[in-house]
Amino acid sequence: MREIGGIPAVSWDQFAVEFQQEYTNVIVDNIPSWPDGAYSAALVEGWYENVATNIDLASE
């Protein structure tokens, strides 16, 4: 299985210098891999808490 771990998928150097300067503080050095580990667990939990609120996981 291949891991997905990069958003956005556009190389930073492809953006205009002005854009790079304006958003330089949002660049991260590490992005969690998915699907796996704590990131997947948080994703599933967030989905059921915020989107699929009508589904009772206890009865599944």
PDB file of N, CA and C in Angstrom:
ATOM      1  N   MET A   1       0.846  -1.185   0.000  1.00  0.00           N
ATOM      2  CA  MET A   1       0.000   0.000   0.000  1.00  0.00           C
ATOM      3  C   MET A   1       0.885   1.240   0.000  1.00  0.00           C
ATOM      4  N   ARG A   2       0.518   2.210  -0.795  1.00  0.00           N
ATOM      5  CA  ARG A   2       1.265   3.470  -0.825  1.00  0.00           C
ATOM      6  C   ARG A   2       0.655   4.440   0.157  1.00  0.00           C
ATOM      7  N   GLU A   3       1.484   5.177   0.846  1.00  0.00           N
ATOM      8  CA  GLU A   3       0.999   6.188   1.774  1.00  0.00           C
ATOM      9  C   GLU A   3       0.817   7.511   1.064  1.00  0.00           C
ATOM     10  N   ILE A   4      -0.195   8.236   1.467  1.00  0.00           N
ATOM     11  CA  ILE A   4      -0.429   9.576   0.953  1.00  0.00           C
ATOM     12  C   ILE A   4      -0.027  10.543   2.052  1.00  0.00           C
ATOM     13  N   GLY A   5       0.771  11.538   1.749  1.00  0.00           N
ATOM     14  CA  GLY A   5       1.203  12.428   2.811  1.00  0.00           C
ATOM     15  C   GLY A   5       1.608  13.802   2.336  1.00  0.00           C
ATOM     16  N   GLY A   6       0.922  14.376   1.383  1.00  0.00           N
ATOM     17  CA  GLY A   6       1.329  15.696   0.945  1.00  0.00           C
ATOM     18  C   GLY A   6       0.195  16.525   0.384  1.00  0.00           C
ATOM     19  N   ILE A   7      -0.062  17.640   1.002  1.00  0.00           N
ATOM     20  CA  ILE A   7      -1.085  18.565   0.522  1.00  0.00           C
ATOM     21  C   ILE A   7      -0.507  19.957   0.664  1.00  0.00           C
ATOM     22  N   PRO A   8      -0.477  20.811  -0.280  1.00  0.00           N
ATOM     23  CA  PRO A   8      -0.911  20.579  -1.660  1.00  0.00           C
ATOM     24  C   PRO A   8       0.129  19.802  -2.453  1.00  0.00           C
ATOM     25  N   ALA A   9      -0.263  19.309  -3.594  1.00  0.00           N
ATOM     26  CA  ALA A   9       0.616  18.495  -4.423  1.00  0.00           C
ATOM     27  C   ALA A   9       1.328  19.336  -5.478  1.00  0.00           C
ATOM     28  N   VAL A  10       1.376  20.635  -5.299  1.00  0.00           N
ATOM     29  CA  VAL A  10       2.069  21.536  -6.215  1.00  0.00           C
ATOM     30  C   VAL A  10       3.357  21.987  -5.544  1.00  0.00           C
ATOM     31  N   SER A  11       4.437  21.890  -6.266  1.00  0.00           N
ATOM     32  CA  SER A  11       5.721  22.308  -5.715  1.00  0.00           C
ATOM     33  C   SER A  11       5.674  23.793  -5.356  1.00  0.00           C
ATOM     34  N   TRP A  12       6.168  24.111  -4.171  1.00  0.00           N
ATOM     35  CA  TRP A  12       6.115  25.481  -3.663  1.00  0.00           C
ATOM     36  C   TRP A  12       6.771  26.478  -4.620  1.00  0.00           C
ATOM     37  N   ASP A  13       7.825  26.046  -5.297  1.00  0.00           N
ATOM     38  CA  ASP A  13       8.535  26.961  -6.196  1.00  0.00           C
ATOM     39  C   ASP A  13       7.756  27.295  -7.471  1.00  0.00           C
ATOM     40  N   GLN A  14       6.615  26.655  -7.673  1.00  0.00           N
ATOM     41  CA  GLN A  14       5.770  26.949  -8.831  1.00  0.00           C
ATOM     42  C   GLN A  14       4.871  28.172  -8.591  1.00  0.00           C
ATOM     43  N   PHE A  15       4.789  28.622  -7.360  1.00  0.00           N
ATOM     44  CA  PHE A  15       3.972  29.790  -7.030  1.00  0.00           C
ATOM     45  C   PHE A  15       4.766  31.078  -7.203  1.00  0.00           C
ATOM     46  N   ALA A  16       4.064  32.155  -7.445  1.00  0.00           N
ATOM     47  CA  ALA A  16       4.699  33.467  -7.554  1.00  0.00           C
ATOM     48  C   ALA A  16       5.416  33.805  -6.248  1.00  0.00           C
ATOM     49  N   VAL A  17       6.516  34.514  -6.350  1.00  0.00           N
ATOM     50  CA  VAL A  17       7.312  34.887  -5.182  1.00  0.00           C
ATOM     51  C   VAL A  17       6.455  35.642  -4.163  1.00  0.00           C
ATOM     52  N   GLU A  18       5.585  36.513  -4.604  1.00  0.00           N
ATOM     53  CA  GLU A  18       4.716  37.275  -3.701  1.00  0.00           C
ATOM     54  C   GLU A  18       3.825  36.334  -2.885  1.00  0.00           C
ATOM     55  N   PHE A  19       3.304  35.310  -3.550  1.00  0.00           N
ATOM     56  CA  PHE A  19       2.472  34.322  -2.864  1.00  0.00           C
ATOM     57  C   PHE A  19       3.297  33.556  -1.842  1.00  0.00           C
ATOM     58  N   GLN A  20       4.485  33.143  -2.230  1.00  0.00           N
ATOM     59  CA  GLN A  20       5.373  32.418  -1.323  1.00  0.00           C
ATOM     60  C   GLN A  20       5.665  33.244  -0.075  1.00  0.00           C
ATOM     61  N   GLN A  21       5.937  34.527  -0.265  1.00  0.00           N
ATOM     62  CA  GLN A  21       6.255  35.402   0.867  1.00  0.00           C
ATOM     63  C   GLN A  21       5.045  35.584   1.782  1.00  0.00           C
ATOM     64  N   GLU A  22       3.865  35.705   1.187  1.00  0.00           N
ATOM     65  CA  GLU A  22       2.660  35.926   1.986  1.00  0.00           C
ATOM     66  C   GLU A  22       2.288  34.702   2.821  1.00  0.00           C
ATOM     67  N   TYR A  23       2.538  33.514   2.295  1.00  0.00           N
ATOM     68  CA  TYR A  23       2.092  32.293   2.979  1.00  0.00           C
ATOM     69  C   TYR A  23       3.224  31.437   3.517  1.00  0.00           C
ATOM     70  N   THR A  24       4.406  31.995   3.627  1.00  0.00           N
ATOM     71  CA  THR A  24       5.552  31.221   4.097  1.00  0.00           C
ATOM     72  C   THR A  24       5.352  30.667   5.511  1.00  0.00           C
ATOM     73  N   ASN A  25       4.535  31.306   6.319  1.00  0.00           N
ATOM     74  CA  ASN A  25       4.333  30.842   7.702  1.00  0.00           C
ATOM     75  C   ASN A  25       3.424  29.622   7.801  1.00  0.00           C
ATOM     76  N   VAL A  26       2.802  29.188   6.722  1.00  0.00           N
ATOM     77  CA  VAL A  26       1.938  28.011   6.782  1.00  0.00           C
ATOM     78  C   VAL A  26       2.615  26.753   6.246  1.00  0.00           C
ATOM     79  N   ILE A  27       3.844  26.867   5.795  1.00  0.00           N
ATOM     80  CA  ILE A  27       4.576  25.702   5.286  1.00  0.00           C
ATOM     81  C   ILE A  27       4.984  24.830   6.475  1.00  0.00           C
ATOM     82  N   VAL A  28       4.727  23.542   6.357  1.00  0.00           N
ATOM     83  CA  VAL A  28       5.098  22.613   7.420  1.00  0.00           C
ATOM     84  C   VAL A  28       6.221  21.699   6.941  1.00  0.00           C
ATOM     85  N   ASP A  29       6.976  21.164   7.883  1.00  0.00           N
ATOM     86  CA  ASP A  29       8.060  20.245   7.551  1.00  0.00           C
ATOM     87  C   ASP A  29       7.611  18.790   7.515  1.00  0.00           C
ATOM     88  N   ASN A  30       6.488  18.509   8.170  1.00  0.00           N
ATOM     89  CA  ASN A  30       6.019  17.126   8.201  1.00  0.00           C
ATOM     90  C   ASN A  30       4.495  17.097   8.105  1.00  0.00           C
ATOM     91  N   ILE A  31       4.010  16.157   7.343  1.00  0.00           N
ATOM     92  CA  ILE A  31       2.580  15.948   7.179  1.00  0.00           C
ATOM     93  C   ILE A  31       2.318  14.490   7.540  1.00  0.00           C
ATOM     94  N   PRO A  32       1.325  14.225   8.376  1.00  0.00           N
ATOM     95  CA  PRO A  32       1.069  12.835   8.760  1.00  0.00           C
ATOM     96  C   PRO A  32       0.750  11.968   7.546  1.00  0.00           C
ATOM     97  N   SER A  33       1.184  10.731   7.593  1.00  0.00           N
ATOM     98  CA  SER A  33       0.864   9.781   6.535  1.00  0.00           C
ATOM     99  C   SER A  33      -0.561   9.287   6.704  1.00  0.00           C
ATOM    100  N   TRP A  34      -1.173   8.937   5.597  1.00  0.00           N
ATOM    101  CA  TRP A  34      -2.524   8.400   5.635  1.00  0.00           C
ATOM    102  C   TRP A  34      -2.637   7.355   4.558  1.00  0.00           C
ATOM    103  N   PRO A  35      -3.264   6.263   4.731  1.00  0.00           N
ATOM    104  CA  PRO A  35      -4.036   5.859   5.902  1.00  0.00           C
ATOM    105  C   PRO A  35      -3.170   5.115   6.910  1.00  0.00           C
ATOM    106  N   ASP A  36      -3.173   5.563   8.118  1.00  0.00           N
ATOM    107  CA  ASP A  36      -2.435   4.874   9.161  1.00  0.00           C
ATOM    108  C   ASP A  36      -2.465   5.661  10.451  1.00  0.00           C
ATOM    109  N   GLY A  37      -2.304   4.966  11.538  1.00  0.00           N
ATOM    110  CA  GLY A  37      -2.051   5.534  12.842  1.00  0.00           C
ATOM    111  C   GLY A  37      -3.049   6.546  13.373  1.00  0.00           C
ATOM    112  N   ALA A  38      -2.529   7.459  14.169  1.00  0.00           N
ATOM    113  CA  ALA A  38      -3.343   8.441  14.882  1.00  0.00           C
ATOM    114  C   ALA A  38      -4.102   9.349  13.922  1.00  0.00           C
ATOM    115  N   TYR A  39      -3.521   9.639  12.766  1.00  0.00           N
ATOM    116  CA  TYR A  39      -4.199  10.506  11.804  1.00  0.00           C
ATOM    117  C   TYR A  39      -5.499   9.863  11.330  1.00  0.00           C
ATOM    118  N   SER A  40      -5.455   8.584  10.994  1.00  0.00           N
ATOM    119  CA  SER A  40      -6.659   7.882  10.548  1.00  0.00           C
ATOM    120  C   SER A  40      -7.703   7.836  11.651  1.00  0.00           C
ATOM    121  N   ALA A  41      -7.273   7.556  12.865  1.00  0.00           N
ATOM    122  CA  ALA A  41      -8.219   7.493  13.988  1.00  0.00           C
ATOM    123  C   ALA A  41      -8.887   8.845  14.197  1.00  0.00           C
ATOM    124  N   ALA A  42      -8.127   9.924  14.139  1.00  0.00           N
ATOM    125  CA  ALA A  42      -8.693  11.264  14.311  1.00  0.00           C
ATOM    126  C   ALA A  42      -9.618  11.617  13.154  1.00  0.00           C
ATOM    127  N   LEU A  43      -9.265  11.207  11.953  1.00  0.00           N
ATOM    128  CA  LEU A  43     -10.096  11.458  10.783  1.00  0.00           C
ATOM    129  C   LEU A  43     -11.451  10.768  10.919  1.00  0.00           C
ATOM    130  N   VAL A  44     -11.445   9.512  11.295  1.00  0.00           N
ATOM    131  CA  VAL A  44     -12.690   8.762  11.465  1.00  0.00           C
ATOM    132  C   VAL A  44     -13.525   9.367  12.597  1.00  0.00           C
ATOM    133  N   GLU A  45     -12.900   9.661  13.709  1.00  0.00           N
ATOM    134  CA  GLU A  45     -13.621  10.255  14.840  1.00  0.00           C
ATOM    135  C   GLU A  45     -14.244  11.590  14.446  1.00  0.00           C
ATOM    136  N   GLY A  46     -13.479  12.432  13.776  1.00  0.00           N
ATOM    137  CA  GLY A  46     -13.993  13.725  13.332  1.00  0.00           C
ATOM    138  C   GLY A  46     -15.143  13.577  12.357  1.00  0.00           C
ATOM    139  N   TRP A  47     -15.067  12.591  11.477  1.00  0.00           N
ATOM    140  CA  TRP A  47     -16.136  12.350  10.511  1.00  0.00           C
ATOM    141  C   TRP A  47     -17.450  12.041  11.231  1.00  0.00           C
ATOM    142  N   TYR A  48     -17.400  11.124  12.172  1.00  0.00           N
ATOM    143  CA  TYR A  48     -18.624  10.727  12.856  1.00  0.00           C
ATOM    144  C   TYR A  48     -19.128  11.790  13.836  1.00  0.00           C
ATOM    145  N   GLU A  49     -18.237  12.587  14.381  1.00  0.00           N
ATOM    146  CA  GLU A  49     -18.656  13.649  15.304  1.00  0.00           C
ATOM    147  C   GLU A  49     -19.212  14.873  14.588  1.00  0.00           C
ATOM    148  N   ASN A  50     -18.719  15.142  13.368  1.00  0.00           N
ATOM    149  CA  ASN A  50     -19.075  16.386  12.689  1.00  0.00           C
ATOM    150  C   ASN A  50     -19.890  16.231  11.414  1.00  0.00           C
ATOM    151  N   VAL A  51     -19.827  15.076  10.784  1.00  0.00           N
ATOM    152  CA  VAL A  51     -20.505  14.890   9.505  1.00  0.00           C
ATOM    153  C   VAL A  51     -21.616  13.853   9.613  1.00  0.00           C
ATOM    154  N   ALA A  52     -21.258  12.660   9.998  1.00  0.00           N
ATOM    155  CA  ALA A  52     -22.226  11.565  10.064  1.00  0.00           C
ATOM    156  C   ALA A  52     -22.783  11.444  11.476  1.00  0.00           C
ATOM    157  N   THR A  53     -23.339  12.531  11.962  1.00  0.00           N
ATOM    158  CA  THR A  53     -23.793  12.584  13.359  1.00  0.00           C
ATOM    159  C   THR A  53     -25.006  11.710  13.641  1.00  0.00           C
ATOM    160  N   ASN A  54     -25.690  11.263  12.614  1.00  0.00           N
ATOM    161  CA  ASN A  54     -26.870  10.424  12.821  1.00  0.00           C
ATOM    162  C   ASN A  54     -26.542   8.938  12.932  1.00  0.00           C
ATOM    163  N   ILE A  55     -25.273   8.560  12.827  1.00  0.00           N
ATOM    164  CA  ILE A  55     -24.881   7.160  12.896  1.00  0.00           C
ATOM    165  C   ILE A  55     -24.339   6.846  14.290  1.00  0.00           C
ATOM    166  N   ASP A  56     -24.917   5.839  14.899  1.00  0.00           N
ATOM    167  CA  ASP A  56     -24.490   5.407  16.234  1.00  0.00           C
ATOM    168  C   ASP A  56     -23.479   4.279  16.093  1.00  0.00           C
ATOM    169  N   LEU A  57     -22.236   4.556  16.334  1.00  0.00           N
ATOM    170  CA  LEU A  57     -21.197   3.551  16.182  1.00  0.00           C
ATOM    171  C   LEU A  57     -21.322   2.422  17.198  1.00  0.00           C
ATOM    172  N   ALA A  58     -21.909   2.677  18.344  1.00  0.00           N
ATOM    173  CA  ALA A  58     -22.047   1.653  19.371  1.00  0.00           C
ATOM    174  C   ALA A  58     -22.945   0.516  18.893  1.00  0.00           C
ATOM    175  N   SER A  59     -23.873   0.791  18.002  1.00  0.00           N
ATOM    176  CA  SER A  59     -24.781  -0.246  17.528  1.00  0.00           C
ATOM    177  C   SER A  59     -24.260  -0.950  16.275  1.00  0.00           C
ATOM    178  N   GLU A  60     -23.137  -0.505  15.739  1.00  0.00           N
ATOM    179  CA  GLU A  60     -22.570  -1.095  14.508  1.00  0.00           C
ATOM    180  C   GLU A  60     -21.866  -2.381  14.826  1.00  0.00           C
TER     181      GLU A  60
END
